[in-house]
PDB file of all heavy atoms in Angstrom:
ATOM      1  N   ARG A   1     122.322 -84.806 -37.313  1.00  0.00           N
ATOM      2  CA  ARG A   1     123.102 -84.735 -36.078  1.00  0.00           C
ATOM      3  C   ARG A   1     124.560 -85.135 -36.328  1.00  0.00           C
ATOM      4  O   ARG A   1     125.472 -84.646 -35.652  1.00  0.00           O
ATOM      5  CB  ARG A   1     122.486 -85.610 -34.991  1.00  0.00           C
ATOM      6  CG  ARG A   1     122.505 -87.105 -35.262  1.00  0.00           C
ATOM      7  CD  ARG A   1     121.707 -87.831 -34.172  1.00  0.00           C
ATOM      8  NE  ARG A   1     121.817 -89.279 -34.245  1.00  0.00           N
ATOM      9  CZ  ARG A   1     121.096 -90.040 -35.058  1.00  0.00           C
ATOM     10  NH1 ARG A   1     120.237 -89.468 -35.897  1.00  0.00           N
ATOM     11  NH2 ARG A   1     121.236 -91.355 -35.047  1.00  0.00           N
ATOM     12  N   TYR A   2     124.796 -85.994 -37.304  1.00  0.00           N
ATOM     13  CA  TYR A   2     126.167 -86.363 -37.644  1.00  0.00           C
ATOM     14  C   TYR A   2     126.848 -85.263 -38.451  1.00  0.00           C
ATOM     15  O   TYR A   2     128.037 -84.993 -38.277  1.00  0.00           O
ATOM     16  CB  TYR A   2     126.196 -87.669 -38.440  1.00  0.00           C
ATOM     17  CG  TYR A   2     125.654 -88.876 -37.718  1.00  0.00           C
ATOM     18  CD1 TYR A   2     125.101 -89.950 -38.418  1.00  0.00           C
ATOM     19  CD2 TYR A   2     125.700 -88.967 -36.322  1.00  0.00           C
ATOM     20  CE1 TYR A   2     124.610 -91.069 -37.775  1.00  0.00           C
ATOM     21  CE2 TYR A   2     125.204 -90.083 -35.665  1.00  0.00           C
ATOM     22  CZ  TYR A   2     124.661 -91.133 -36.396  1.00  0.00           C
ATOM     23  OH  TYR A   2     124.172 -92.237 -35.745  1.00  0.00           O
ATOM     24  N   VAL A   3     126.088 -84.643 -39.340  1.00  0.00           N
ATOM     25  CA  VAL A   3     126.647 -83.586 -40.195  1.00  0.00           C
ATOM     26  C   VAL A   3     127.224 -82.453 -39.349  1.00  0.00           C
ATOM     27  O   VAL A   3     128.318 -81.953 -39.614  1.00  0.00           O
ATOM     28  CB  VAL A   3     125.575 -83.048 -41.159  1.00  0.00           C
ATOM     29  CG1 VAL A   3     126.095 -81.810 -41.906  1.00  0.00           C
ATOM     30  CG2 VAL A   3     125.162 -84.124 -42.151  1.00  0.00           C
ATOM     31  N   ARG A   4     126.498 -82.060 -38.329  1.00  0.00           N
ATOM     32  CA  ARG A   4     126.943 -80.943 -37.489  1.00  0.00           C
ATOM     33  C   ARG A   4     128.282 -81.250 -36.817  1.00  0.00           C
ATOM     34  O   ARG A   4     129.210 -80.430 -36.875  1.00  0.00           O
ATOM     35  CB  ARG A   4     125.880 -80.637 -36.430  1.00  0.00           C
ATOM     36  CG  ARG A   4     126.289 -79.552 -35.436  1.00  0.00           C
ATOM     37  CD  ARG A   4     125.156 -79.202 -34.507  1.00  0.00           C
ATOM     38  NE  ARG A   4     124.529 -80.377 -33.925  1.00  0.00           N
ATOM     39  CZ  ARG A   4     125.035 -81.057 -32.871  1.00  0.00           C
ATOM     40  NH1 ARG A   4     126.168 -80.659 -32.319  1.00  0.00           N
ATOM     41  NH2 ARG A   4     124.397 -82.109 -32.394  1.00  0.00           N
ATOM     42  N   VAL A   5     128.402 -82.417 -36.197  1.00  0.00           N
ATOM     43  CA  VAL A   5     129.650 -82.730 -35.501  1.00  0.00           C
ATOM     44  C   VAL A   5     130.781 -82.989 -36.486  1.00  0.00           C
ATOM     45  O   VAL A   5     131.950 -82.714 -36.202  1.00  0.00           O
ATOM     46  CB  VAL A   5     129.464 -83.924 -34.533  1.00  0.00           C
ATOM     47  CG1 VAL A   5     128.494 -83.578 -33.429  1.00  0.00           C
ATOM     48  CG2 VAL A   5     129.022 -85.177 -35.266  1.00  0.00           C
ATOM     49  N   ALA A   6     130.452 -83.511 -37.676  1.00  0.00           N
ATOM     50  CA  ALA A   6     131.482 -83.750 -38.685  1.00  0.00           C
ATOM     51  C   ALA A   6     132.096 -82.439 -39.147  1.00  0.00           C
ATOM     52  O   ALA A   6     133.321 -82.325 -39.287  1.00  0.00           O
ATOM     53  CB  ALA A   6     130.891 -84.512 -39.873  1.00  0.00           C
ATOM     54  N   ARG A   7     131.256 -81.433 -39.379  1.00  0.00           N
ATOM     55  CA  ARG A   7     131.781 -80.132 -39.815  1.00  0.00           C
ATOM     56  C   ARG A   7     132.708 -79.533 -38.769  1.00  0.00           C
ATOM     57  O   ARG A   7     133.790 -79.020 -39.081  1.00  0.00           O
ATOM     58  CB  ARG A   7     130.623 -79.185 -40.105  1.00  0.00           C
ATOM     59  CG  ARG A   7     129.887 -79.472 -41.409  1.00  0.00           C
ATOM     60  CD  ARG A   7     129.034 -78.290 -41.831  1.00  0.00           C
ATOM     61  NE  ARG A   7     128.387 -78.546 -43.117  1.00  0.00           N
ATOM     62  CZ  ARG A   7     127.085 -78.679 -43.283  1.00  0.00           C
ATOM     63  NH1 ARG A   7     126.267 -78.566 -42.248  1.00  0.00           N
ATOM     64  NH2 ARG A   7     126.577 -78.905 -44.482  1.00  0.00           N
ATOM     65  N   GLU A   8     132.293 -79.587 -37.518  1.00  0.00           N
ATOM     66  CA  GLU A   8     133.117 -79.042 -36.444  1.00  0.00           C
ATOM     67  C   GLU A   8     134.443 -79.792 -36.348  1.00  0.00           C
ATOM     68  O   GLU A   8     135.506 -79.188 -36.141  1.00  0.00           O
ATOM     69  CB  GLU A   8     132.363 -79.137 -35.115  1.00  0.00           C
ATOM     70  CG  GLU A   8     131.119 -78.252 -35.044  1.00  0.00           C
ATOM     71  CD  GLU A   8     130.308 -78.490 -33.789  1.00  0.00           C
ATOM     72  OE1 GLU A   8     130.686 -79.392 -32.993  1.00  0.00           O
ATOM     73  OE2 GLU A   8     129.291 -77.798 -33.582  1.00  0.00           O
ATOM     74  N   ARG A   9     134.376 -81.094 -36.504  1.00  0.00           N
ATOM     75  CA  ARG A   9     135.586 -81.914 -36.391  1.00  0.00           C
ATOM     76  C   ARG A   9     136.578 -81.598 -37.507  1.00  0.00           C
ATOM     77  O   ARG A   9     137.780 -81.428 -37.258  1.00  0.00           O
ATOM     78  CB  ARG A   9     135.186 -83.389 -36.444  1.00  0.00           C
ATOM     79  CG  ARG A   9     136.346 -84.363 -36.430  1.00  0.00           C
ATOM     80  CD  ARG A   9     135.839 -85.774 -36.625  1.00  0.00           C
ATOM     81  NE  ARG A   9     136.897 -86.757 -36.504  1.00  0.00           N
ATOM     82  CZ  ARG A   9     136.717 -88.041 -36.742  1.00  0.00           C
ATOM     83  NH1 ARG A   9     135.521 -88.497 -37.085  1.00  0.00           N
ATOM     84  NH2 ARG A   9     137.728 -88.895 -36.626  1.00  0.00           N
ATOM     85  N   ILE A  10     136.105 -81.531 -38.733  1.00  0.00           N
ATOM     86  CA  ILE A  10     136.993 -81.306 -39.870  1.00  0.00           C
ATOM     87  C   ILE A  10     137.605 -79.915 -39.824  1.00  0.00           C
ATOM     88  O   ILE A  10     138.792 -79.731 -40.128  1.00  0.00           O
ATOM     89  CB  ILE A  10     136.233 -81.537 -41.188  1.00  0.00           C
ATOM     90  CG1 ILE A  10     135.818 -83.004 -41.291  1.00  0.00           C
ATOM     91  CG2 ILE A  10     137.080 -81.146 -42.391  1.00  0.00           C
ATOM     92  CD1 ILE A  10     134.834 -83.294 -42.399  1.00  0.00           C
ATOM     93  N   GLU A  11     136.813 -78.928 -39.433  1.00  0.00           N
ATOM     94  CA  GLU A  11     137.334 -77.561 -39.342  1.00  0.00           C
ATOM     95  C   GLU A  11     138.469 -77.442 -38.335  1.00  0.00           C
ATOM     96  O   GLU A  11     139.346 -76.590 -38.462  1.00  0.00           O
ATOM     97  CB  GLU A  11     136.200 -76.602 -38.973  1.00  0.00           C
ATOM     98  CG  GLU A  11     135.223 -76.349 -40.116  1.00  0.00           C
ATOM     99  CD  GLU A  11     134.022 -75.533 -39.676  1.00  0.00           C
ATOM    100  OE1 GLU A  11     133.985 -75.146 -38.485  1.00  0.00           O
ATOM    101  OE2 GLU A  11     133.129 -75.284 -40.505  1.00  0.00           O
ATOM    102  N   SER A  12     138.468 -78.307 -37.327  1.00  0.00           N
ATOM    103  CA  SER A  12     139.512 -78.251 -36.299  1.00  0.00           C
ATOM    104  C   SER A  12     140.720 -79.119 -36.630  1.00  0.00           C
ATOM    105  O   SER A  12     141.701 -79.134 -35.885  1.00  0.00           O
ATOM    106  CB  SER A  12     138.937 -78.687 -34.948  1.00  0.00           C
ATOM    107  OG  SER A  12     138.562 -80.048 -34.970  1.00  0.00           O
ATOM    108  N   THR A  13     140.669 -79.854 -37.746  1.00  0.00           N
ATOM    109  CA  THR A  13     141.765 -80.733 -38.142  1.00  0.00           C
ATOM    110  C   THR A  13     142.874 -79.934 -38.797  1.00  0.00           C
ATOM    111  O   THR A  13     142.630 -79.118 -39.693  1.00  0.00           O
ATOM    112  CB  THR A  13     141.269 -81.815 -39.121  1.00  0.00           C
ATOM    113  OG1 THR A  13     140.282 -82.617 -38.479  1.00  0.00           O
ATOM    114  CG2 THR A  13     142.422 -82.714 -39.566  1.00  0.00           C
ATOM    115  N   LEU A  14     144.107 -80.169 -38.387  1.00  0.00           N
ATOM    116  CA  LEU A  14     145.256 -79.466 -38.944  1.00  0.00           C
ATOM    117  C   LEU A  14     145.846 -80.274 -40.086  1.00  0.00           C
ATOM    118  O   LEU A  14     146.034 -81.486 -39.985  1.00  0.00           O
ATOM    119  CB  LEU A  14     146.328 -79.240 -37.859  1.00  0.00           C
ATOM    120  CG  LEU A  14     145.922 -78.359 -36.679  1.00  0.00           C
ATOM    121  CD1 LEU A  14     147.067 -78.278 -35.676  1.00  0.00           C
ATOM    122  CD2 LEU A  14     145.540 -76.961 -37.150  1.00  0.00           C
ATOM    123  N   GLU A  15     146.142 -79.577 -41.193  1.00  0.00           N
ATOM    124  CA  GLU A  15     146.777 -80.234 -42.324  1.00  0.00           C
ATOM    125  C   GLU A  15     148.264 -80.438 -42.037  1.00  0.00           C
ATOM    126  O   GLU A  15     148.901 -79.626 -41.370  1.00  0.00           O
ATOM    127  CB  GLU A  15     146.623 -79.396 -43.585  1.00  0.00           C
ATOM    128  CG  GLU A  15     145.184 -79.129 -43.982  1.00  0.00           C
ATOM    129  CD  GLU A  15     145.090 -78.226 -45.195  1.00  0.00           C
ATOM    130  OE1 GLU A  15     145.847 -78.465 -46.154  1.00  0.00           O
ATOM    131  OE2 GLU A  15     144.286 -77.289 -45.174  1.00  0.00           O
ATOM    132  N   LEU A  16     148.825 -81.547 -42.587  1.00  0.00           N
ATOM    133  CA  LEU A  16     150.264 -81.743 -42.506  1.00  0.00           C
ATOM    134  C   LEU A  16     150.948 -80.748 -43.437  1.00  0.00           C
ATOM    135  O   LEU A  16     150.416 -80.404 -44.489  1.00  0.00           O
ATOM    136  CB  LEU A  16     150.633 -83.168 -42.931  1.00  0.00           C
ATOM    137  CG  LEU A  16     150.130 -84.316 -42.039  1.00  0.00           C
ATOM    138  CD1 LEU A  16     150.571 -85.652 -42.625  1.00  0.00           C
ATOM    139  CD2 LEU A  16     150.660 -84.176 -40.620  1.00  0.00           C
ATOM    140  N   ASP A  17     152.142 -80.262 -43.042  1.00  0.00           N
ATOM    141  CA  ASP A  17     152.835 -79.350 -43.941  1.00  0.00           C
ATOM    142  C   ASP A  17     153.390 -80.129 -45.129  1.00  0.00           C
ATOM    143  O   ASP A  17     153.459 -81.350 -45.136  1.00  0.00           O
ATOM    144  CB  ASP A  17     153.934 -78.576 -43.211  1.00  0.00           C
ATOM    145  CG  ASP A  17     155.029 -79.457 -42.652  1.00  0.00           C
ATOM    146  OD1 ASP A  17     155.491 -80.364 -43.374  1.00  0.00           O
ATOM    147  OD2 ASP A  17     155.431 -79.249 -41.490  1.00  0.00           O
ATOM    148  N   GLU A  18     153.778 -79.399 -46.159  1.00  0.00           N
ATOM    149  CA  GLU A  18     154.147 -80.026 -47.427  1.00  0.00           C
ATOM    150  C   GLU A  18     155.314 -80.988 -47.285  1.00  0.00           C
ATOM    151  O   GLU A  18     155.337 -82.054 -47.893  1.00  0.00           O
ATOM    152  CB  GLU A  18     154.478 -78.943 -48.457  1.00  0.00           C
ATOM    153  CG  GLU A  18     154.705 -79.494 -49.855  1.00  0.00           C
ATOM    154  CD  GLU A  18     154.887 -78.390 -50.888  1.00  0.00           C
ATOM    155  OE1 GLU A  18     154.595 -77.227 -50.546  1.00  0.00           O
ATOM    156  OE2 GLU A  18     155.313 -78.698 -52.005  1.00  0.00           O
ATOM    157  N   SER A  19     156.306 -80.650 -46.469  1.00  0.00           N
ATOM    158  CA  SER A  19     157.467 -81.522 -46.336  1.00  0.00           C
ATOM    159  C   SER A  19     157.101 -82.840 -45.668  1.00  0.00           C
ATOM    160  O   SER A  19     157.626 -83.895 -46.007  1.00  0.00           O
ATOM    161  CB  SER A  19     158.558 -80.819 -45.519  1.00  0.00           C
ATOM    162  OG  SER A  19     158.108 -80.526 -44.200  1.00  0.00           O
ATOM    163  N   ALA A  20     156.154 -82.806 -44.728  1.00  0.00           N
ATOM    164  CA  ALA A  20     155.744 -84.026 -44.048  1.00  0.00           C
ATOM    165  C   ALA A  20     154.925 -84.933 -44.952  1.00  0.00           C
ATOM    166  O   ALA A  20     154.780 -86.121 -44.693  1.00  0.00           O
ATOM    167  CB  ALA A  20     154.928 -83.695 -42.793  1.00  0.00           C
ATOM    168  N   MET A  21     154.371 -84.373 -46.043  1.00  0.00           N
ATOM    169  CA  MET A  21     153.528 -85.146 -46.944  1.00  0.00           C
ATOM    170  C   MET A  21     154.316 -86.081 -47.837  1.00  0.00           C
ATOM    171  O   MET A  21     153.756 -86.962 -48.470  1.00  0.00           O
ATOM    172  CB  MET A  21     152.699 -84.193 -47.812  1.00  0.00           C
ATOM    173  CG  MET A  21     151.577 -83.517 -47.074  1.00  0.00           C
ATOM    174  SD  MET A  21     150.398 -84.722 -46.460  1.00  0.00           S
ATOM    175  CE  MET A  21     149.953 -85.518 -47.981  1.00  0.00           C
ATOM    176  N   LYS A  22     155.619 -85.899 -47.931  1.00  0.00           N
ATOM    177  CA  LYS A  22     156.410 -86.749 -48.822  1.00  0.00           C
ATOM    178  C   LYS A  22     156.439 -88.181 -48.294  1.00  0.00           C
ATOM    179  O   LYS A  22     156.595 -88.423 -47.101  1.00  0.00           O
ATOM    180  CB  LYS A  22     157.837 -86.217 -48.942  1.00  0.00           C
ATOM    181  CG  LYS A  22     157.908 -84.865 -49.647  1.00  0.00           C
ATOM    182  CD  LYS A  22     159.338 -84.381 -49.747  1.00  0.00           C
ATOM    183  CE  LYS A  22     159.409 -83.029 -50.431  1.00  0.00           C
ATOM    184  NZ  LYS A  22     160.779 -82.500 -50.503  1.00  0.00           N
ATOM    185  N   THR A  23     156.280 -89.140 -49.193  1.00  0.00           N
ATOM    186  CA  THR A  23     156.305 -90.549 -48.813  1.00  0.00           C
ATOM    187  C   THR A  23     157.295 -91.277 -49.699  1.00  0.00           C
ATOM    188  O   THR A  23     157.731 -90.787 -50.746  1.00  0.00           O
ATOM    189  CB  THR A  23     154.918 -91.199 -48.978  1.00  0.00           C
ATOM    190  OG1 THR A  23     154.521 -91.107 -50.349  1.00  0.00           O
ATOM    191  CG2 THR A  23     153.890 -90.511 -48.100  1.00  0.00           C
ATOM    192  N   MET A  24     157.643 -92.490 -49.270  1.00  0.00           N
ATOM    193  CA  MET A  24     158.505 -93.333 -50.081  1.00  0.00           C
ATOM    194  C   MET A  24     157.762 -93.701 -51.362  1.00  0.00           C
ATOM    195  O   MET A  24     156.592 -94.045 -51.335  1.00  0.00           O
ATOM    196  CB  MET A  24     158.881 -94.603 -49.319  1.00  0.00           C
ATOM    197  CG  MET A  24     159.716 -94.349 -48.075  1.00  0.00           C
ATOM    198  SD  MET A  24     161.376 -93.765 -48.476  1.00  0.00           S
ATOM    199  CE  MET A  24     162.093 -95.258 -49.143  1.00  0.00           C
ATOM    200  N   THR A  25     158.448 -93.621 -52.491  1.00  0.00           N
ATOM    201  CA  THR A  25     157.831 -93.977 -53.757  1.00  0.00           C
ATOM    202  C   THR A  25     158.471 -95.235 -54.308  1.00  0.00           C
ATOM    203  O   THR A  25     159.575 -95.612 -53.926  1.00  0.00           O
ATOM    204  CB  THR A  25     157.992 -92.841 -54.784  1.00  0.00           C
ATOM    205  OG1 THR A  25     159.398 -92.572 -54.947  1.00  0.00           O
ATOM    206  CG2 THR A  25     157.279 -91.589 -54.321  1.00  0.00           C
ATOM    207  N   SER A  26     157.781 -95.880 -55.206  1.00  0.00           N
ATOM    208  CA  SER A  26     158.328 -97.061 -55.851  1.00  0.00           C
ATOM    209  C   SER A  26     159.595 -96.696 -56.598  1.00  0.00           C
ATOM    210  O   SER A  26     159.685 -95.650 -57.237  1.00  0.00           O
ATOM    211  CB  SER A  26     157.299 -97.641 -56.824  1.00  0.00           C
ATOM    212  OG  SER A  26     157.903 -98.614 -57.661  1.00  0.00           O
ATOM    213  N   LYS A  27     160.580 -97.566 -56.544  1.00  0.00           N
ATOM    214  CA  LYS A  27     161.808 -97.292 -57.277  1.00  0.00           C
ATOM    215  C   LYS A  27     161.539 -97.172 -58.770  1.00  0.00           C
ATOM    216  O   LYS A  27     162.267 -96.510 -59.501  1.00  0.00           O
ATOM    217  CB  LYS A  27     162.835 -98.393 -57.001  1.00  0.00           C
ATOM    218  CG  LYS A  27     163.462 -98.294 -55.617  1.00  0.00           C
ATOM    219  CD  LYS A  27     164.518 -99.354 -55.422  1.00  0.00           C
ATOM    220  CE  LYS A  27     165.339 -99.121 -54.149  1.00  0.00           C
ATOM    221  NZ  LYS A  27     164.555 -99.081 -52.951  1.00  0.00           N
ATOM    222  N   ARG A  28     160.462 -97.811 -59.241  1.00  0.00           N
ATOM    223  CA  ARG A  28     160.130 -97.715 -60.655  1.00  0.00           C
ATOM    224  C   ARG A  28     159.696 -96.306 -61.038  1.00  0.00           C
ATOM    225  O   ARG A  28     159.735 -95.929 -62.191  1.00  0.00           O
ATOM    226  CB  ARG A  28     159.012 -98.701 -60.998  1.00  0.00           C
ATOM    227  CG  ARG A  28     159.404-100.170 -60.884  1.00  0.00           C
ATOM    228  CD  ARG A  28     158.265-101.029 -61.395  1.00  0.00           C
ATOM    229  NE  ARG A  28     158.567-102.440 -61.325  1.00  0.00           N
ATOM    230  CZ  ARG A  28     158.226-103.228 -60.322  1.00  0.00           C
ATOM    231  NH1 ARG A  28     157.575-102.722 -59.289  1.00  0.00           N
ATOM    232  NH2 ARG A  28     158.525-104.514 -60.324  1.00  0.00           N
ATOM    233  N   THR A  29     159.212 -95.534 -60.063  1.00  0.00           N
ATOM    234  CA  THR A  29     158.722 -94.191 -60.370  1.00  0.00           C
ATOM    235  C   THR A  29     159.805 -93.132 -60.240  1.00  0.00           C
ATOM    236  O   THR A  29     159.578 -91.988 -60.595  1.00  0.00           O
ATOM    237  CB  THR A  29     157.561 -93.811 -59.442  1.00  0.00           C
ATOM    238  OG1 THR A  29     158.063 -93.600 -58.116  1.00  0.00           O
ATOM    239  CG2 THR A  29     156.499 -94.878 -59.409  1.00  0.00           C
ATOM    240  N   GLN A  30     160.979 -93.497 -59.717  1.00  0.00           N
ATOM    241  CA  GLN A  30     162.027 -92.517 -59.527  1.00  0.00           C
ATOM    242  C   GLN A  30     162.710 -92.196 -60.856  1.00  0.00           C
ATOM    243  O   GLN A  30     162.768 -93.037 -61.759  1.00  0.00           O
ATOM    244  CB  GLN A  30     163.071 -93.045 -58.536  1.00  0.00           C
ATOM    245  CG  GLN A  30     162.520 -93.225 -57.130  1.00  0.00           C
ATOM    246  CD  GLN A  30     163.560 -93.801 -56.193  1.00  0.00           C
ATOM    247  OE1 GLN A  30     164.614 -94.243 -56.622  1.00  0.00           O
ATOM    248  NE2 GLN A  30     163.258 -93.793 -54.912  1.00  0.00           N
ATOM    249  N   PRO A  31     163.227 -90.970 -60.999  1.00  0.00           N
ATOM    250  CA  PRO A  31     163.937 -90.626 -62.238  1.00  0.00           C
ATOM    251  C   PRO A  31     165.109 -91.568 -62.460  1.00  0.00           C
ATOM    252  O   PRO A  31     165.780 -91.995 -61.523  1.00  0.00           O
ATOM    253  CB  PRO A  31     164.422 -89.191 -61.969  1.00  0.00           C
ATOM    254  CG  PRO A  31     163.555 -88.674 -60.874  1.00  0.00           C
ATOM    255  CD  PRO A  31     163.190 -89.859 -60.041  1.00  0.00           C
ATOM    256  N   ARG A  32     165.345 -91.905 -63.713  1.00  0.00           N
ATOM    257  CA  ARG A  32     166.470 -92.780 -64.033  1.00  0.00           C
ATOM    258  C   ARG A  32     167.773 -92.022 -63.806  1.00  0.00           C
ATOM    259  O   ARG A  32     167.929 -90.887 -64.263  1.00  0.00           O
ATOM    260  CB  ARG A  32     166.387 -93.248 -65.483  1.00  0.00           C
ATOM    261  CG  ARG A  32     167.497 -94.218 -65.860  1.00  0.00           C
ATOM    262  CD  ARG A  32     167.337 -94.714 -67.285  1.00  0.00           C
ATOM    263  NE  ARG A  32     168.447 -95.567 -67.656  1.00  0.00           N
ATOM    264  CZ  ARG A  32     169.619 -95.147 -68.122  1.00  0.00           C
ATOM    265  NH1 ARG A  32     169.814 -93.845 -68.293  1.00  0.00           N
ATOM    266  NH2 ARG A  32     170.581 -95.993 -68.430  1.00  0.00           N
ATOM    267  N   VAL A  33     168.706 -92.647 -63.098  1.00  0.00           N
ATOM    268  CA  VAL A  33     169.990 -92.009 -62.792  1.00  0.00           C
ATOM    269  C   VAL A  33     171.107 -92.898 -63.330  1.00  0.00           C
ATOM    270  O   VAL A  33     171.349 -93.991 -62.805  1.00  0.00           O
ATOM    271  CB  VAL A  33     170.185 -91.815 -61.277  1.00  0.00           C
ATOM    272  CG1 VAL A  33     171.543 -91.159 -61.002  1.00  0.00           C
ATOM    273  CG2 VAL A  33     169.057 -90.994 -60.680  1.00  0.00           C
ATOM    274  N   PRO A  34     171.791 -92.487 -64.384  1.00  0.00           N
ATOM    275  CA  PRO A  34     172.955 -93.252 -64.844  1.00  0.00           C
ATOM    276  C   PRO A  34     174.058 -93.218 -63.787  1.00  0.00           C
ATOM    277  O   PRO A  34     174.270 -92.187 -63.131  1.00  0.00           O
ATOM    278  CB  PRO A  34     173.388 -92.525 -66.120  1.00  0.00           C
ATOM    279  CG  PRO A  34     172.205 -91.694 -66.518  1.00  0.00           C
ATOM    280  CD  PRO A  34     171.508 -91.339 -65.250  1.00  0.00           C
ATOM    281  N   PHE A  35     174.753 -94.333 -63.620  1.00  0.00           N
ATOM    282  CA  PHE A  35     175.845 -94.369 -62.656  1.00  0.00           C
ATOM    283  C   PHE A  35     176.899 -93.324 -62.993  1.00  0.00           C
ATOM    284  O   PHE A  35     177.510 -92.714 -62.105  1.00  0.00           O
ATOM    285  CB  PHE A  35     176.471 -95.775 -62.619  1.00  0.00           C
ATOM    286  CG  PHE A  35     177.636 -95.891 -61.690  1.00  0.00           C
ATOM    287  CD1 PHE A  35     177.476 -95.712 -60.318  1.00  0.00           C
ATOM    288  CD2 PHE A  35     178.905 -96.176 -62.173  1.00  0.00           C
ATOM    289  CE1 PHE A  35     178.555 -95.816 -59.452  1.00  0.00           C
ATOM    290  CE2 PHE A  35     179.986 -96.289 -61.316  1.00  0.00           C
ATOM    291  CZ  PHE A  35     179.812 -96.106 -59.950  1.00  0.00           C
ATOM    292  N   GLY A  36     177.069 -93.055 -64.278  1.00  0.00           N
ATOM    293  CA  GLY A  36     178.060 -92.061 -64.694  1.00  0.00           C
ATOM    294  C   GLY A  36     177.766 -90.677 -64.151  1.00  0.00           C
ATOM    295  O   GLY A  36     178.692 -89.871 -63.946  1.00  0.00           O
ATOM    296  N   THR A  37     176.490 -90.379 -63.914  1.00  0.00           N
ATOM    297  CA  THR A  37     176.144 -89.070 -63.359  1.00  0.00           C
ATOM    298  C   THR A  37     176.760 -88.883 -61.985  1.00  0.00           C
ATOM    299  O   THR A  37     177.248 -87.795 -61.641  1.00  0.00           O
ATOM    300  CB  THR A  37     174.618 -88.918 -63.270  1.00  0.00           C
ATOM    301  OG1 THR A  37     174.063 -88.989 -64.580  1.00  0.00           O
ATOM    302  CG2 THR A  37     174.233 -87.588 -62.623  1.00  0.00           C
ATOM    303  N   LEU A  38     176.760 -89.944 -61.179  1.00  0.00           N
ATOM    304  CA  LEU A  38     177.336 -89.855 -59.838  1.00  0.00           C
ATOM    305  C   LEU A  38     178.847 -89.649 -59.900  1.00  0.00           C
ATOM    306  O   LEU A  38     179.424 -88.989 -59.028  1.00  0.00           O
ATOM    307  CB  LEU A  38     177.010 -91.119 -59.045  1.00  0.00           C
ATOM    308  CG  LEU A  38     175.531 -91.508 -58.959  1.00  0.00           C
ATOM    309  CD1 LEU A  38     175.355 -92.676 -57.992  1.00  0.00           C
ATOM    310  CD2 LEU A  38     174.680 -90.327 -58.520  1.00  0.00           C
ATOM    311  N   VAL A  39     179.470 -90.214 -60.945  1.00  0.00           N
ATOM    312  CA  VAL A  39     180.905 -89.997 -61.140  1.00  0.00           C
ATOM    313  C   VAL A  39     181.157 -88.551 -61.567  1.00  0.00           C
ATOM    314  O   VAL A  39     182.059 -87.876 -61.068  1.00  0.00           O
ATOM    315  CB  VAL A  39     181.468 -90.977 -62.187  1.00  0.00           C
ATOM    316  CG1 VAL A  39     182.968 -90.716 -62.416  1.00  0.00           C
ATOM    317  CG2 VAL A  39     181.245 -92.425 -61.747  1.00  0.00           C
ATOM    318  N   GLU A  40     180.324 -88.054 -62.474  1.00  0.00           N
ATOM    319  CA  GLU A  40     180.484 -86.694 -62.989  1.00  0.00           C
ATOM    320  C   GLU A  40     180.418 -85.647 -61.900  1.00  0.00           C
ATOM    321  O   GLU A  40     181.185 -84.679 -61.886  1.00  0.00           O
ATOM    322  CB  GLU A  40     179.392 -86.396 -64.023  1.00  0.00           C
ATOM    323  CG  GLU A  40     179.586 -87.066 -65.364  1.00  0.00           C
ATOM    324  CD  GLU A  40     178.456 -86.749 -66.304  1.00  0.00           C
ATOM    325  OE1 GLU A  40     177.303 -86.598 -65.850  1.00  0.00           O
ATOM    326  OE2 GLU A  40     178.712 -86.645 -67.511  1.00  0.00           O
TER     327      GLU A  40
END
């Protein structure tokens, strides 16, 4: 009885679009940016 309602529920769930999926990441995971690049 749970399986039936679960299937119906999930099928009606809308996925977030790709742009909305972006989240804040740790600064440690960001590409290294030399300050000189910003000057360039």
